[in-house]
Amino acid sequence: MSYHVLVDDTFCSTDQSHRYTRGEYETYGEALAVCREIVDRFLRHECASGMPASAVYFRYMMFGKEPSIVEYSESLDTSPGFSAWDYAKVRCEELCSRPAERNS
């Protein structure tokens, strides 16, 4: 059994030629960590001090990368799945609720 991380560009979501494979992983946990990092990298780049979570999430929906996990096995799919959009929504709230860091 292996898990493949596929990445779609939300800006070109209807054009599957923009999809690429990020990698193949032995465990679901490894694939999940890669997916989360792809989303987190975009959100950290987009999140500015004082920016509301809804604005960051909107930018993610328009311009972010949407990773997904596909399980390849001979048995039934038992992976819990991954929703990049659900994860991004939660992370936007977490990132935007943090107090601004002060330069010391």
C-alpha atoms as a PDB file:
ATOM      1  CA  MET A   1       0.000   0.000   0.000  1.00  0.00           C
ATOM      2  CA  SER A   2       1.216   3.508  -0.730  1.00  0.00           C
ATOM      3  CA  TYR A   3      -0.171   7.017  -0.517  1.00  0.00           C
ATOM      4  CA  HIS A   4       0.315   9.540  -3.294  1.00  0.00           C
ATOM      5  CA  VAL A   5      -0.016  13.282  -2.731  1.00  0.00           C
ATOM      6  CA  LEU A   6      -1.560  15.023  -5.723  1.00  0.00           C
ATOM      7  CA  VAL A   7      -1.600  18.810  -5.878  1.00  0.00           C
ATOM      8  CA  ASP A   8      -4.070  20.958  -7.791  1.00  0.00           C
ATOM      9  CA  ASP A   9      -3.766  24.685  -8.406  1.00  0.00           C
ATOM     10  CA  THR A  10      -6.984  26.310  -7.149  1.00  0.00           C
ATOM     11  CA  PHE A  11      -6.531  29.173  -9.624  1.00  0.00           C
ATOM     12  CA  CYS A  12      -6.739  26.651 -12.492  1.00  0.00           C
ATOM     13  CA  SER A  13      -8.979  24.120 -10.742  1.00  0.00           C
ATOM     14  CA  THR A  14     -10.838  23.092 -13.887  1.00  0.00           C
ATOM     15  CA  ASP A  15      -7.630  22.385 -15.812  1.00  0.00           C
ATOM     16  CA  GLN A  16      -6.216  19.031 -14.698  1.00  0.00           C
ATOM     17  CA  SER A  17      -3.033  19.634 -16.688  1.00  0.00           C
ATOM     18  CA  HIS A  18      -1.918  21.815 -13.749  1.00  0.00           C
ATOM     19  CA  ARG A  19      -2.111  18.821 -11.358  1.00  0.00           C
ATOM     20  CA  TYR A  20       1.166  17.272 -10.269  1.00  0.00           C
ATOM     21  CA  THR A  21       2.278  14.468  -7.989  1.00  0.00           C
ATOM     22  CA  ARG A  22       4.193  15.691  -4.938  1.00  0.00           C
ATOM     23  CA  GLY A  23       5.357  12.251  -3.915  1.00  0.00           C
ATOM     24  CA  GLU A  24       4.603   8.709  -2.853  1.00  0.00           C
ATOM     25  CA  TYR A  25       4.649   7.821   0.853  1.00  0.00           C
ATOM     26  CA  GLU A  26       4.532   4.552   2.771  1.00  0.00           C
ATOM     27  CA  THR A  27       2.158   5.799   5.480  1.00  0.00           C
ATOM     28  CA  TYR A  28      -0.903   7.987   5.577  1.00  0.00           C
ATOM     29  CA  GLY A  29       0.759  10.070   8.310  1.00  0.00           C
ATOM     30  CA  GLU A  30       3.681  10.953   6.035  1.00  0.00           C
ATOM     31  CA  ALA A  31       1.332  11.966   3.205  1.00  0.00           C
ATOM     32  CA  LEU A  32      -0.815  13.987   5.621  1.00  0.00           C
ATOM     33  CA  ALA A  33       2.219  15.909   6.931  1.00  0.00           C
ATOM     34  CA  VAL A  34       3.201  16.818   3.367  1.00  0.00           C
ATOM     35  CA  CYS A  35      -0.333  18.030   2.572  1.00  0.00           C
ATOM     36  CA  ARG A  36      -0.485  20.152   5.709  1.00  0.00           C
ATOM     37  CA  GLU A  37       2.912  21.709   4.963  1.00  0.00           C
ATOM     38  CA  ILE A  38       1.808  22.664   1.435  1.00  0.00           C
ATOM     39  CA  VAL A  39      -1.251  24.460   2.829  1.00  0.00           C
ATOM     40  CA  ASP A  40       0.645  25.975   5.787  1.00  0.00           C
ATOM     41  CA  ARG A  41       3.392  27.356   3.534  1.00  0.00           C
ATOM     42  CA  PHE A  42       0.838  29.289   1.465  1.00  0.00           C
ATOM     43  CA  LEU A  43      -1.061  30.561   4.529  1.00  0.00           C
ATOM     44  CA  ARG A  44       2.091  31.743   6.333  1.00  0.00           C
ATOM     45  CA  HIS A  45       3.098  33.664   3.216  1.00  0.00           C
ATOM     46  CA  GLU A  46      -0.341  35.277   2.826  1.00  0.00           C
ATOM     47  CA  CYS A  47      -1.157  36.032   6.459  1.00  0.00           C
ATOM     48  CA  ALA A  48      -0.298  39.639   7.296  1.00  0.00           C
ATOM     49  CA  SER A  49      -0.619  41.245  10.718  1.00  0.00           C
ATOM     50  CA  GLY A  50      -4.209  42.239  11.426  1.00  0.00           C
ATOM     51  CA  MET A  51      -5.573  40.422   8.379  1.00  0.00           C
ATOM     52  CA  PRO A  52      -8.891  38.687   9.089  1.00  0.00           C
ATOM     53  CA  ALA A  53      -9.035  34.904   8.740  1.00  0.00           C
ATOM     54  CA  SER A  54     -11.786  35.207   6.138  1.00  0.00           C
ATOM     55  CA  ALA A  55      -9.514  37.260   3.852  1.00  0.00           C
ATOM     56  CA  VAL A  56      -6.647  34.771   4.128  1.00  0.00           C
ATOM     57  CA  TYR A  57      -9.026  31.883   3.489  1.00  0.00           C
ATOM     58  CA  PHE A  58     -10.469  33.652   0.432  1.00  0.00           C
ATOM     59  CA  ARG A  59      -6.962  34.084  -0.974  1.00  0.00           C
ATOM     60  CA  TYR A  60      -6.282  30.402  -0.347  1.00  0.00           C
ATOM     61  CA  MET A  61      -9.463  29.375  -2.177  1.00  0.00           C
ATOM     62  CA  MET A  62      -8.504  31.566  -5.136  1.00  0.00           C
ATOM     63  CA  PHE A  63      -4.728  31.087  -5.390  1.00  0.00           C
ATOM     64  CA  GLY A  64      -3.552  28.274  -3.103  1.00  0.00           C
ATOM     65  CA  LYS A  65      -2.406  24.749  -3.796  1.00  0.00           C
ATOM     66  CA  GLU A  66      -4.932  22.013  -2.991  1.00  0.00           C
ATOM     67  CA  PRO A  67      -3.211  18.764  -2.026  1.00  0.00           C
ATOM     68  CA  SER A  68      -5.083  15.484  -1.806  1.00  0.00           C
ATOM     69  CA  ILE A  69      -4.163  11.961  -0.783  1.00  0.00           C
ATOM     70  CA  VAL A  70      -4.822   8.970  -2.984  1.00  0.00           C
ATOM     71  CA  GLU A  71      -4.333   5.502  -1.525  1.00  0.00           C
ATOM     72  CA  TYR A  72      -3.099   2.758  -3.806  1.00  0.00           C
ATOM     73  CA  SER A  73      -3.800  -0.697  -2.450  1.00  0.00           C
ATOM     74  CA  GLU A  74      -5.543  -3.911  -3.306  1.00  0.00           C
ATOM     75  CA  SER A  75      -7.832  -3.606  -0.307  1.00  0.00           C
ATOM     76  CA  LEU A  76     -10.619  -1.152   0.362  1.00  0.00           C
ATOM     77  CA  ASP A  77      -9.648   2.461   1.016  1.00  0.00           C
ATOM     78  CA  THR A  78      -9.447   2.819   4.795  1.00  0.00           C
ATOM     79  CA  SER A  79      -7.659   6.177   4.958  1.00  0.00           C
ATOM     80  CA  PRO A  80      -9.538   8.938   6.755  1.00  0.00           C
ATOM     81  CA  GLY A  81      -9.095  11.308   3.783  1.00  0.00           C
ATOM     82  CA  PHE A  82      -7.889  14.893   3.768  1.00  0.00           C
ATOM     83  CA  SER A  83      -9.716  18.094   2.894  1.00  0.00           C
ATOM     84  CA  ALA A  84      -7.251  20.883   2.133  1.00  0.00           C
ATOM     85  CA  TRP A  85     -10.038  23.455   2.277  1.00  0.00           C
ATOM     86  CA  ASP A  86     -11.264  22.323   5.715  1.00  0.00           C
ATOM     87  CA  TYR A  87      -7.696  22.265   7.017  1.00  0.00           C
ATOM     88  CA  ALA A  88      -6.989  25.731   5.560  1.00  0.00           C
ATOM     89  CA  LYS A  89     -10.107  27.188   7.185  1.00  0.00           C
ATOM     90  CA  VAL A  90      -9.044  25.963  10.632  1.00  0.00           C
ATOM     91  CA  ARG A  91      -5.433  27.105  10.128  1.00  0.00           C
ATOM     92  CA  CYS A  92      -6.550  30.581   8.991  1.00  0.00           C
ATOM     93  CA  GLU A  93      -8.446  30.996  12.252  1.00  0.00           C
ATOM     94  CA  GLU A  94      -5.432  29.806  14.251  1.00  0.00           C
ATOM     95  CA  LEU A  95      -2.899  31.976  12.414  1.00  0.00           C
ATOM     96  CA  CYS A  96      -5.021  35.119  12.432  1.00  0.00           C
ATOM     97  CA  SER A  97      -5.995  34.817  16.097  1.00  0.00           C
ATOM     98  CA  ARG A  98      -2.359  34.932  17.244  1.00  0.00           C
ATOM     99  CA  PRO A  99      -1.203  38.242  18.682  1.00  0.00           C
ATOM    100  CA  ALA A 100       1.172  40.151  16.417  1.00  0.00           C
ATOM    101  CA  GLU A 101       4.813  39.455  17.165  1.00  0.00           C
ATOM    102  CA  ARG A 102       6.770  42.443  18.412  1.00  0.00           C
ATOM    103  CA  ASN A 103      10.312  43.197  17.376  1.00  0.00           C
ATOM    104  CA  SER A 104      12.506  43.362  20.465  1.00  0.00           C
END
